[in-house]
Structures are given as structure tokens and as C-alpha cells.
Amino acid sequence: EGGSGQYVASGYSVYEEENEHLQEGLRAKVTALKSL
């Protein structure tokens, strides 16, 4: 909030890691559906 431009370590990285994890799960499901 200070306008310093630095990322808050507790918020952004947790969401980013969760999104990447969910993205990998979705990618695996799509690959399985394509193969099926």
C-alpha cells in the first residue's frame, strides 16, 4: 500500500503457487480427456 512497488510476500506468492498447482491439475485432466 505504500506505493513502494514491492510485492507482499504473504499474499501474492501463495495465490500464485495455488494457481500453478491447480493449473497443473487441470492440465493433467485435459490430457487424460484428450487421450480418452
PDB file of all heavy atoms in Angstrom:
ATOM      1  N   GLU A   1       0.793  -1.212   0.000  1.00  0.00           N
ATOM      2  CA  GLU A   1       0.000   0.000   0.000  1.00  0.00           C
ATOM      3  C   GLU A   1       0.834   1.274   0.000  1.00  0.00           C
ATOM      4  O   GLU A   1       0.342   2.333  -0.291  1.00  0.00           O
ATOM      5  CB  GLU A   1      -0.940  -0.004   1.204  1.00  0.00           C
ATOM      6  CG  GLU A   1      -2.053  -0.974   1.052  1.00  0.00           C
ATOM      7  CD  GLU A   1      -3.179  -0.688   2.027  1.00  0.00           C
ATOM      8  OE1 GLU A   1      -3.188   0.358   2.674  1.00  0.00           O
ATOM      9  OE2 GLU A   1      -4.051  -1.539   2.094  1.00  0.00           O
ATOM     10  N   GLY A   2       2.042   1.177   0.317  1.00  0.00           N
ATOM     11  CA  GLY A   2       2.856   2.374   0.422  1.00  0.00           C
ATOM     12  C   GLY A   2       3.287   2.936  -0.914  1.00  0.00           C
ATOM     13  O   GLY A   2       3.903   3.972  -0.981  1.00  0.00           O
ATOM     14  N   GLY A   3       2.998   2.264  -2.022  1.00  0.00           N
ATOM     15  CA  GLY A   3       3.419   2.741  -3.321  1.00  0.00           C
ATOM     16  C   GLY A   3       4.852   2.409  -3.610  1.00  0.00           C
ATOM     17  O   GLY A   3       5.430   2.936  -4.552  1.00  0.00           O
ATOM     18  N   SER A   4       5.452   1.585  -2.804  1.00  0.00           N
ATOM     19  CA  SER A   4       6.858   1.262  -2.997  1.00  0.00           C
ATOM     20  C   SER A   4       7.073   0.302  -4.159  1.00  0.00           C
ATOM     21  O   SER A   4       8.177   0.183  -4.643  1.00  0.00           O
ATOM     22  CB  SER A   4       7.441   0.670  -1.714  1.00  0.00           C
ATOM     23  OG  SER A   4       6.812  -0.559  -1.420  1.00  0.00           O
ATOM     24  N   GLY A   5       6.037  -0.427  -4.574  1.00  0.00           N
ATOM     25  CA  GLY A   5       6.169  -1.326  -5.719  1.00  0.00           C
ATOM     26  C   GLY A   5       6.672  -2.696  -5.364  1.00  0.00           C
ATOM     27  O   GLY A   5       6.889  -3.520  -6.236  1.00  0.00           O
ATOM     28  N   GLN A   6       6.898  -2.960  -4.131  1.00  0.00           N
ATOM     29  CA  GLN A   6       7.365  -4.285  -3.730  1.00  0.00           C
ATOM     30  C   GLN A   6       6.172  -5.184  -3.445  1.00  0.00           C
ATOM     31  O   GLN A   6       5.140  -4.743  -2.949  1.00  0.00           O
ATOM     32  CB  GLN A   6       8.232  -4.167  -2.475  1.00  0.00           C
ATOM     33  CG  GLN A   6       9.493  -3.390  -2.724  1.00  0.00           C
ATOM     34  CD  GLN A   6      10.296  -3.257  -1.437  1.00  0.00           C
ATOM     35  OE1 GLN A   6       9.844  -3.644  -0.387  1.00  0.00           O
ATOM     36  NE2 GLN A   6      11.491  -2.703  -1.567  1.00  0.00           N
ATOM     37  N   TYR A   7       6.335  -6.456  -3.771  1.00  0.00           N
ATOM     38  CA  TYR A   7       5.257  -7.410  -3.551  1.00  0.00           C
ATOM     39  C   TYR A   7       5.187  -7.802  -2.094  1.00  0.00           C
ATOM     40  O   TYR A   7       6.207  -7.931  -1.428  1.00  0.00           O
ATOM     41  CB  TYR A   7       5.483  -8.680  -4.387  1.00  0.00           C
ATOM     42  CG  TYR A   7       5.337  -8.451  -5.855  1.00  0.00           C
ATOM     43  CD1 TYR A   7       6.444  -8.494  -6.690  1.00  0.00           C
ATOM     44  CD2 TYR A   7       4.103  -8.200  -6.414  1.00  0.00           C
ATOM     45  CE1 TYR A   7       6.318  -8.266  -8.032  1.00  0.00           C
ATOM     46  CE2 TYR A   7       3.976  -7.984  -7.758  1.00  0.00           C
ATOM     47  CZ  TYR A   7       5.081  -8.010  -8.570  1.00  0.00           C
ATOM     48  OH  TYR A   7       4.946  -7.784  -9.898  1.00  0.00           O
ATOM     49  N   VAL A   8       3.975  -8.011  -1.653  1.00  0.00           N
ATOM     50  CA  VAL A   8       3.786  -8.501  -0.299  1.00  0.00           C
ATOM     51  C   VAL A   8       3.971 -10.007  -0.354  1.00  0.00           C
ATOM     52  O   VAL A   8       3.279 -10.706  -1.085  1.00  0.00           O
ATOM     53  CB  VAL A   8       2.383  -8.146   0.239  1.00  0.00           C
ATOM     54  CG1 VAL A   8       2.176  -8.741   1.615  1.00  0.00           C
ATOM     55  CG2 VAL A   8       2.206  -6.650   0.246  1.00  0.00           C
ATOM     56  N   ALA A   9       4.906 -10.545   0.363  1.00  0.00           N
ATOM     57  CA  ALA A   9       5.278 -11.953   0.275  1.00  0.00           C
ATOM     58  C   ALA A   9       4.169 -12.869   0.735  1.00  0.00           C
ATOM     59  O   ALA A   9       4.027 -13.974   0.230  1.00  0.00           O
ATOM     60  CB  ALA A   9       6.548 -12.199   1.093  1.00  0.00           C
ATOM     61  N   SER A  10       3.374 -12.456   1.659  1.00  0.00           N
ATOM     62  CA  SER A  10       2.375 -13.367   2.215  1.00  0.00           C
ATOM     63  C   SER A  10       1.171 -13.545   1.302  1.00  0.00           C
ATOM     64  O   SER A  10       0.530 -14.585   1.324  1.00  0.00           O
ATOM     65  CB  SER A  10       1.916 -12.859   3.580  1.00  0.00           C
ATOM     66  OG  SER A  10       1.238 -11.630   3.425  1.00  0.00           O
ATOM     67  N   GLY A  11       0.823 -12.619   0.479  1.00  0.00           N
ATOM     68  CA  GLY A  11      -0.406 -12.699  -0.323  1.00  0.00           C
ATOM     69  C   GLY A  11      -0.208 -13.220  -1.729  1.00  0.00           C
ATOM     70  O   GLY A  11      -0.781 -14.220  -2.122  1.00  0.00           O
ATOM     71  N   TYR A  12       0.603 -12.543  -2.488  1.00  0.00           N
ATOM     72  CA  TYR A  12       0.721 -12.838  -3.914  1.00  0.00           C
ATOM     73  C   TYR A  12       1.334 -14.199  -4.186  1.00  0.00           C
ATOM     74  O   TYR A  12       0.828 -14.946  -5.006  1.00  0.00           O
ATOM     75  CB  TYR A  12       1.541 -11.742  -4.592  1.00  0.00           C
ATOM     76  CG  TYR A  12       1.642 -11.923  -6.078  1.00  0.00           C
ATOM     77  CD1 TYR A  12       0.555 -11.645  -6.897  1.00  0.00           C
ATOM     78  CD2 TYR A  12       2.822 -12.365  -6.667  1.00  0.00           C
ATOM     79  CE1 TYR A  12       0.640 -11.800  -8.259  1.00  0.00           C
ATOM     80  CE2 TYR A  12       2.918 -12.533  -8.027  1.00  0.00           C
ATOM     81  CZ  TYR A  12       1.825 -12.248  -8.833  1.00  0.00           C
ATOM     82  OH  TYR A  12       1.909 -12.416 -10.173  1.00  0.00           O
ATOM     83  N   SER A  13       2.396 -14.542  -3.542  1.00  0.00           N
ATOM     84  CA  SER A  13       3.084 -15.806  -3.832  1.00  0.00           C
ATOM     85  C   SER A  13       2.242 -17.018  -3.447  1.00  0.00           C
ATOM     86  O   SER A  13       2.289 -18.041  -4.123  1.00  0.00           O
ATOM     87  CB  SER A  13       4.436 -15.849  -3.126  1.00  0.00           C
ATOM     88  OG  SER A  13       4.251 -15.831  -1.725  1.00  0.00           O
ATOM     89  N   VAL A  14       1.447 -16.908  -2.401  1.00  0.00           N
ATOM     90  CA  VAL A  14       0.581 -18.035  -2.010  1.00  0.00           C
ATOM     91  C   VAL A  14      -0.469 -18.283  -3.079  1.00  0.00           C
ATOM     92  O   VAL A  14      -0.708 -19.419  -3.487  1.00  0.00           O
ATOM     93  CB  VAL A  14      -0.080 -17.761  -0.632  1.00  0.00           C
ATOM     94  CG1 VAL A  14      -1.125 -18.813  -0.315  1.00  0.00           C
ATOM     95  CG2 VAL A  14       0.980 -17.691   0.448  1.00  0.00           C
ATOM     96  N   TYR A  15      -1.082 -17.214  -3.539  1.00  0.00           N
ATOM     97  CA  TYR A  15      -2.088 -17.365  -4.591  1.00  0.00           C
ATOM     98  C   TYR A  15      -1.476 -17.856  -5.898  1.00  0.00           C
ATOM     99  O   TYR A  15      -2.069 -18.656  -6.620  1.00  0.00           O
ATOM    100  CB  TYR A  15      -2.829 -16.048  -4.827  1.00  0.00           C
ATOM    101  CG  TYR A  15      -3.743 -15.665  -3.697  1.00  0.00           C
ATOM    102  CD1 TYR A  15      -3.694 -14.389  -3.147  1.00  0.00           C
ATOM    103  CD2 TYR A  15      -4.660 -16.568  -3.170  1.00  0.00           C
ATOM    104  CE1 TYR A  15      -4.532 -14.022  -2.116  1.00  0.00           C
ATOM    105  CE2 TYR A  15      -5.504 -16.207  -2.134  1.00  0.00           C
ATOM    106  CZ  TYR A  15      -5.435 -14.947  -1.605  1.00  0.00           C
ATOM    107  OH  TYR A  15      -6.255 -14.599  -0.592  1.00  0.00           O
ATOM    108  N   GLU A  16      -0.292 -17.359  -6.197  1.00  0.00           N
ATOM    109  CA  GLU A  16       0.387 -17.776  -7.427  1.00  0.00           C
ATOM    110  C   GLU A  16       0.725 -19.265  -7.379  1.00  0.00           C
ATOM    111  O   GLU A  16       0.533 -19.995  -8.352  1.00  0.00           O
ATOM    112  CB  GLU A  16       1.656 -16.942  -7.623  1.00  0.00           C
ATOM    113  CG  GLU A  16       2.316 -17.166  -8.961  1.00  0.00           C
ATOM    114  CD  GLU A  16       1.503 -16.651 -10.126  1.00  0.00           C
ATOM    115  OE1 GLU A  16       0.712 -15.715  -9.964  1.00  0.00           O
ATOM    116  OE2 GLU A  16       1.647 -17.224 -11.221  1.00  0.00           O
ATOM    117  N   GLU A  17       1.225 -19.734  -6.256  1.00  0.00           N
ATOM    118  CA  GLU A  17       1.542 -21.155  -6.119  1.00  0.00           C
ATOM    119  C   GLU A  17       0.285 -22.017  -6.201  1.00  0.00           C
ATOM    120  O   GLU A  17       0.275 -23.077  -6.831  1.00  0.00           O
ATOM    121  CB  GLU A  17       2.258 -21.411  -4.789  1.00  0.00           C
ATOM    122  CG  GLU A  17       3.682 -20.921  -4.766  1.00  0.00           C
ATOM    123  CD  GLU A  17       4.316 -21.120  -3.401  1.00  0.00           C
ATOM    124  OE1 GLU A  17       3.807 -21.945  -2.618  1.00  0.00           O
ATOM    125  OE2 GLU A  17       5.335 -20.464  -3.139  1.00  0.00           O
ATOM    126  N   GLU A  18      -0.779 -21.531  -5.587  1.00  0.00           N
ATOM    127  CA  GLU A  18      -2.035 -22.285  -5.637  1.00  0.00           C
ATOM    128  C   GLU A  18      -2.574 -22.338  -7.062  1.00  0.00           C
ATOM    129  O   GLU A  18      -3.030 -23.386  -7.532  1.00  0.00           O
ATOM    130  CB  GLU A  18      -3.070 -21.647  -4.709  1.00  0.00           C
ATOM    131  CG  GLU A  18      -4.371 -22.420  -4.646  1.00  0.00           C
ATOM    132  CD  GLU A  18      -5.399 -21.757  -3.735  1.00  0.00           C
ATOM    133  OE1 GLU A  18      -5.076 -20.743  -3.077  1.00  0.00           O
ATOM    134  OE2 GLU A  18      -6.519 -22.269  -3.701  1.00  0.00           O
ATOM    135  N   ASN A  19      -2.490 -21.218  -7.780  1.00  0.00           N
ATOM    136  CA  ASN A  19      -2.942 -21.189  -9.175  1.00  0.00           C
ATOM    137  C   ASN A  19      -2.103 -22.125 -10.047  1.00  0.00           C
ATOM    138  O   ASN A  19      -2.647 -22.819 -10.913  1.00  0.00           O
ATOM    139  CB  ASN A  19      -2.880 -19.767  -9.726  1.00  0.00           C
ATOM    140  CG  ASN A  19      -4.062 -18.938  -9.286  1.00  0.00           C
ATOM    141  OD1 ASN A  19      -5.084 -19.470  -8.883  1.00  0.00           O
ATOM    142  ND2 ASN A  19      -3.909 -17.630  -9.356  1.00  0.00           N
ATOM    143  N   GLU A  20      -0.810 -22.143  -9.844  1.00  0.00           N
ATOM    144  CA  GLU A  20       0.049 -23.035 -10.628  1.00  0.00           C
ATOM    145  C   GLU A  20      -0.259 -24.498 -10.328  1.00  0.00           C
ATOM    146  O   GLU A  20      -0.292 -25.331 -11.232  1.00  0.00           O
ATOM    147  CB  GLU A  20       1.518 -22.727 -10.349  1.00  0.00           C
ATOM    148  CG  GLU A  20       1.991 -21.440 -10.983  1.00  0.00           C
ATOM    149  CD  GLU A  20       3.429 -21.116 -10.626  1.00  0.00           C
ATOM    150  OE1 GLU A  20       4.094 -21.955  -9.976  1.00  0.00           O
ATOM    151  OE2 GLU A  20       3.880 -20.021 -11.014  1.00  0.00           O
ATOM    152  N   HIS A  21      -0.505 -24.797  -9.067  1.00  0.00           N
ATOM    153  CA  HIS A  21      -0.859 -26.175  -8.676  1.00  0.00           C
ATOM    154  C   HIS A  21      -2.184 -26.584  -9.324  1.00  0.00           C
ATOM    155  O   HIS A  21      -2.304 -27.679  -9.888  1.00  0.00           O
ATOM    156  CB  HIS A  21      -0.942 -26.277  -7.157  1.00  0.00           C
ATOM    157  CG  HIS A  21      -1.378 -27.624  -6.674  1.00  0.00           C
ATOM    158  ND1 HIS A  21      -0.579 -28.742  -6.793  1.00  0.00           N
ATOM    159  CD2 HIS A  21      -2.518 -28.042  -6.083  1.00  0.00           C
ATOM    160  CE1 HIS A  21      -1.211 -29.790  -6.298  1.00  0.00           C
ATOM    161  NE2 HIS A  21      -2.399 -29.386  -5.850  1.00  0.00           N
ATOM    162  N   LEU A  22      -3.171 -25.704  -9.254  1.00  0.00           N
ATOM    163  CA  LEU A  22      -4.469 -26.004  -9.879  1.00  0.00           C
ATOM    164  C   LEU A  22      -4.349 -26.101 -11.395  1.00  0.00           C
ATOM    165  O   LEU A  22      -5.017 -26.918 -12.043  1.00  0.00           O
ATOM    166  CB  LEU A  22      -5.496 -24.943  -9.488  1.00  0.00           C
ATOM    167  CG  LEU A  22      -5.933 -24.944  -8.020  1.00  0.00           C
ATOM    168  CD1 LEU A  22      -6.817 -23.740  -7.724  1.00  0.00           C
ATOM    169  CD2 LEU A  22      -6.639 -26.237  -7.663  1.00  0.00           C
ATOM    170  N   GLN A  23      -3.494 -25.270 -11.969  1.00  0.00           N
ATOM    171  CA  GLN A  23      -3.272 -25.299 -13.416  1.00  0.00           C
ATOM    172  C   GLN A  23      -2.658 -26.626 -13.844  1.00  0.00           C
ATOM    173  O   GLN A  23      -3.063 -27.205 -14.857  1.00  0.00           O
ATOM    174  CB  GLN A  23      -2.366 -24.140 -13.815  1.00  0.00           C
ATOM    175  CG  GLN A  23      -2.171 -23.993 -15.292  1.00  0.00           C
ATOM    176  CD  GLN A  23      -1.260 -22.818 -15.632  1.00  0.00           C
ATOM    177  OE1 GLN A  23      -0.604 -22.263 -14.762  1.00  0.00           O
ATOM    178  NE2 GLN A  23      -1.237 -22.452 -16.897  1.00  0.00           N
ATOM    179  N   GLU A  24      -1.703 -27.129 -13.085  1.00  0.00           N
ATOM    180  CA  GLU A  24      -1.101 -28.430 -13.403  1.00  0.00           C
ATOM    181  C   GLU A  24      -2.130 -29.557 -13.287  1.00  0.00           C
ATOM    182  O   GLU A  24      -2.165 -30.472 -14.109  1.00  0.00           O
ATOM    183  CB  GLU A  24       0.099 -28.707 -12.493  1.00  0.00           C
ATOM    184  CG  GLU A  24       1.311 -27.873 -12.800  1.00  0.00           C
ATOM    185  CD  GLU A  24       1.816 -28.088 -14.207  1.00  0.00           C
ATOM    186  OE1 GLU A  24       1.853 -29.236 -14.684  1.00  0.00           O
ATOM    187  OE2 GLU A  24       2.181 -27.080 -14.853  1.00  0.00           O
ATOM    188  N   GLY A  25      -2.981 -29.493 -12.260  1.00  0.00           N
ATOM    189  CA  GLY A  25      -4.040 -30.493 -12.118  1.00  0.00           C
ATOM    190  C   GLY A  25      -5.006 -30.460 -13.290  1.00  0.00           C
ATOM    191  O   GLY A  25      -5.414 -31.505 -13.813  1.00  0.00           O
ATOM    192  N   LEU A  26      -5.374 -29.258 -13.693  1.00  0.00           N
ATOM    193  CA  LEU A  26      -6.277 -29.106 -14.829  1.00  0.00           C
ATOM    194  C   LEU A  26      -5.621 -29.590 -16.120  1.00  0.00           C
ATOM    195  O   LEU A  26      -6.259 -30.251 -16.942  1.00  0.00           O
ATOM    196  CB  LEU A  26      -6.693 -27.635 -14.956  1.00  0.00           C
ATOM    197  CG  LEU A  26      -7.752 -27.307 -15.994  1.00  0.00           C
ATOM    198  CD1 LEU A  26      -9.038 -28.044 -15.684  1.00  0.00           C
ATOM    199  CD2 LEU A  26      -7.997 -25.807 -16.022  1.00  0.00           C
ATOM    200  N   ARG A  27      -4.340 -29.290 -16.293  1.00  0.00           N
ATOM    201  CA  ARG A  27      -3.607 -29.733 -17.481  1.00  0.00           C
ATOM    202  C   ARG A  27      -3.582 -31.269 -17.548  1.00  0.00           C
ATOM    203  O   ARG A  27      -3.765 -31.853 -18.610  1.00  0.00           O
ATOM    204  CB  ARG A  27      -2.195 -29.171 -17.479  1.00  0.00           C
ATOM    205  CG  ARG A  27      -1.412 -29.537 -18.739  1.00  0.00           C
ATOM    206  CD  ARG A  27      -0.044 -28.883 -18.797  1.00  0.00           C
ATOM    207  NE  ARG A  27      -0.196 -27.448 -18.978  1.00  0.00           N
ATOM    208  CZ  ARG A  27       0.350 -26.523 -18.193  1.00  0.00           C
ATOM    209  NH1 ARG A  27       1.083 -26.873 -17.160  1.00  0.00           N
ATOM    210  NH2 ARG A  27       0.175 -25.249 -18.439  1.00  0.00           N
ATOM    211  N   ALA A  28      -3.367 -31.919 -16.403  1.00  0.00           N
ATOM    212  CA  ALA A  28      -3.351 -33.385 -16.375  1.00  0.00           C
ATOM    213  C   ALA A  28      -4.718 -33.954 -16.728  1.00  0.00           C
ATOM    214  O   ALA A  28      -4.824 -34.946 -17.471  1.00  0.00           O
ATOM    215  CB  ALA A  28      -2.914 -33.877 -14.990  1.00  0.00           C
ATOM    216  N   LYS A  29      -5.777 -33.319 -16.237  1.00  0.00           N
ATOM    217  CA  LYS A  29      -7.129 -33.793 -16.543  1.00  0.00           C
ATOM    218  C   LYS A  29      -7.457 -33.612 -18.020  1.00  0.00           C
ATOM    219  O   LYS A  29      -8.064 -34.481 -18.647  1.00  0.00           O
ATOM    220  CB  LYS A  29      -8.161 -33.079 -15.677  1.00  0.00           C
ATOM    221  CG  LYS A  29      -8.114 -33.497 -14.230  1.00  0.00           C
ATOM    222  CD  LYS A  29      -9.108 -32.722 -13.391  1.00  0.00           C
ATOM    223  CE  LYS A  29      -8.991 -33.107 -11.929  1.00  0.00           C
ATOM    224  NZ  LYS A  29      -9.917 -32.350 -11.083  1.00  0.00           N
ATOM    225  N   VAL A  30      -7.061 -32.486 -18.578  1.00  0.00           N
ATOM    226  CA  VAL A  30      -7.304 -32.235 -20.006  1.00  0.00           C
ATOM    227  C   VAL A  30      -6.538 -33.239 -20.859  1.00  0.00           C
ATOM    228  O   VAL A  30      -7.060 -33.761 -21.847  1.00  0.00           O
ATOM    229  CB  VAL A  30      -6.931 -30.776 -20.372  1.00  0.00           C
ATOM    230  CG1 VAL A  30      -6.875 -30.583 -21.871  1.00  0.00           C
ATOM    231  CG2 VAL A  30      -7.917 -29.813 -19.749  1.00  0.00           C
ATOM    232  N   THR A  31      -5.315 -33.543 -20.481  1.00  0.00           N
ATOM    233  CA  THR A  31      -4.519 -34.533 -21.216  1.00  0.00           C
ATOM    234  C   THR A  31      -5.168 -35.903 -21.148  1.00  0.00           C
ATOM    235  O   THR A  31      -5.238 -36.621 -22.154  1.00  0.00           O
ATOM    236  CB  THR A  31      -3.088 -34.596 -20.643  1.00  0.00           C
ATOM    237  OG1 THR A  31      -2.510 -33.297 -20.711  1.00  0.00           O
ATOM    238  CG2 THR A  31      -2.232 -35.565 -21.424  1.00  0.00           C
ATOM    239  N   ALA A  32      -5.681 -36.270 -19.966  1.00  0.00           N
ATOM    240  CA  ALA A  32      -6.351 -37.566 -19.822  1.00  0.00           C
ATOM    241  C   ALA A  32      -7.617 -37.611 -20.671  1.00  0.00           C
ATOM    242  O   ALA A  32      -7.904 -38.625 -21.331  1.00  0.00           O
ATOM    243  CB  ALA A  32      -6.678 -37.825 -18.358  1.00  0.00           C
ATOM    244  N   LEU A  33      -8.395 -36.525 -20.682  1.00  0.00           N
ATOM    245  CA  LEU A  33      -9.608 -36.477 -21.505  1.00  0.00           C
ATOM    246  C   LEU A  33      -9.287 -36.538 -22.990  1.00  0.00           C
ATOM    247  O   LEU A  33     -10.001 -37.191 -23.764  1.00  0.00           O
ATOM    248  CB  LEU A  33     -10.409 -35.217 -21.196  1.00  0.00           C
ATOM    249  CG  LEU A  33     -11.209 -35.234 -19.897  1.00  0.00           C
ATOM    250  CD1 LEU A  33     -11.832 -33.873 -19.645  1.00  0.00           C
ATOM    251  CD2 LEU A  33     -12.281 -36.304 -19.947  1.00  0.00           C
ATOM    252  N   LYS A  34      -8.230 -35.872 -23.389  1.00  0.00           N
ATOM    253  CA  LYS A  34      -7.823 -35.906 -24.800  1.00  0.00           C
ATOM    254  C   LYS A  34      -7.445 -37.319 -25.207  1.00  0.00           C
ATOM    255  O   LYS A  34      -7.873 -37.818 -26.257  1.00  0.00           O
ATOM    256  CB  LYS A  34      -6.643 -34.963 -25.036  1.00  0.00           C
ATOM    257  CG  LYS A  34      -6.166 -34.952 -26.465  1.00  0.00           C
ATOM    258  CD  LYS A  34      -4.975 -34.022 -26.636  1.00  0.00           C
ATOM    259  CE  LYS A  34      -4.451 -34.071 -28.053  1.00  0.00           C
ATOM    260  NZ  LYS A  34      -3.251 -33.247 -28.207  1.00  0.00           N
ATOM    261  N   SER A  35      -6.672 -37.994 -24.370  1.00  0.00           N
ATOM    262  CA  SER A  35      -6.277 -39.369 -24.658  1.00  0.00           C
ATOM    263  C   SER A  35      -7.494 -40.288 -24.720  1.00  0.00           C
ATOM    264  O   SER A  35      -7.605 -41.133 -25.608  1.00  0.00           O
ATOM    265  CB  SER A  35      -5.305 -39.850 -23.584  1.00  0.00           C
ATOM    266  OG  SER A  35      -5.029 -41.211 -23.742  1.00  0.00           O
ATOM    267  N   LEU A  36      -8.424 -40.094 -23.787  1.00  0.00           N
ATOM    268  CA  LEU A  36      -9.634 -40.913 -23.758  1.00  0.00           C
ATOM    269  C   LEU A  36     -10.488 -40.683 -25.006  1.00  0.00           C
ATOM    270  O   LEU A  36     -10.994 -41.638 -25.601  1.00  0.00           O
ATOM    271  CB  LEU A  36     -10.437 -40.601 -22.496  1.00  0.00           C
ATOM    272  CG  LEU A  36     -11.691 -41.418 -22.274  1.00  0.00           C
ATOM    273  CD1 LEU A  36     -11.344 -42.893 -22.102  1.00  0.00           C
ATOM    274  CD2 LEU A  36     -12.437 -40.902 -21.057  1.00  0.00           C
TER     275      LEU A  36
END
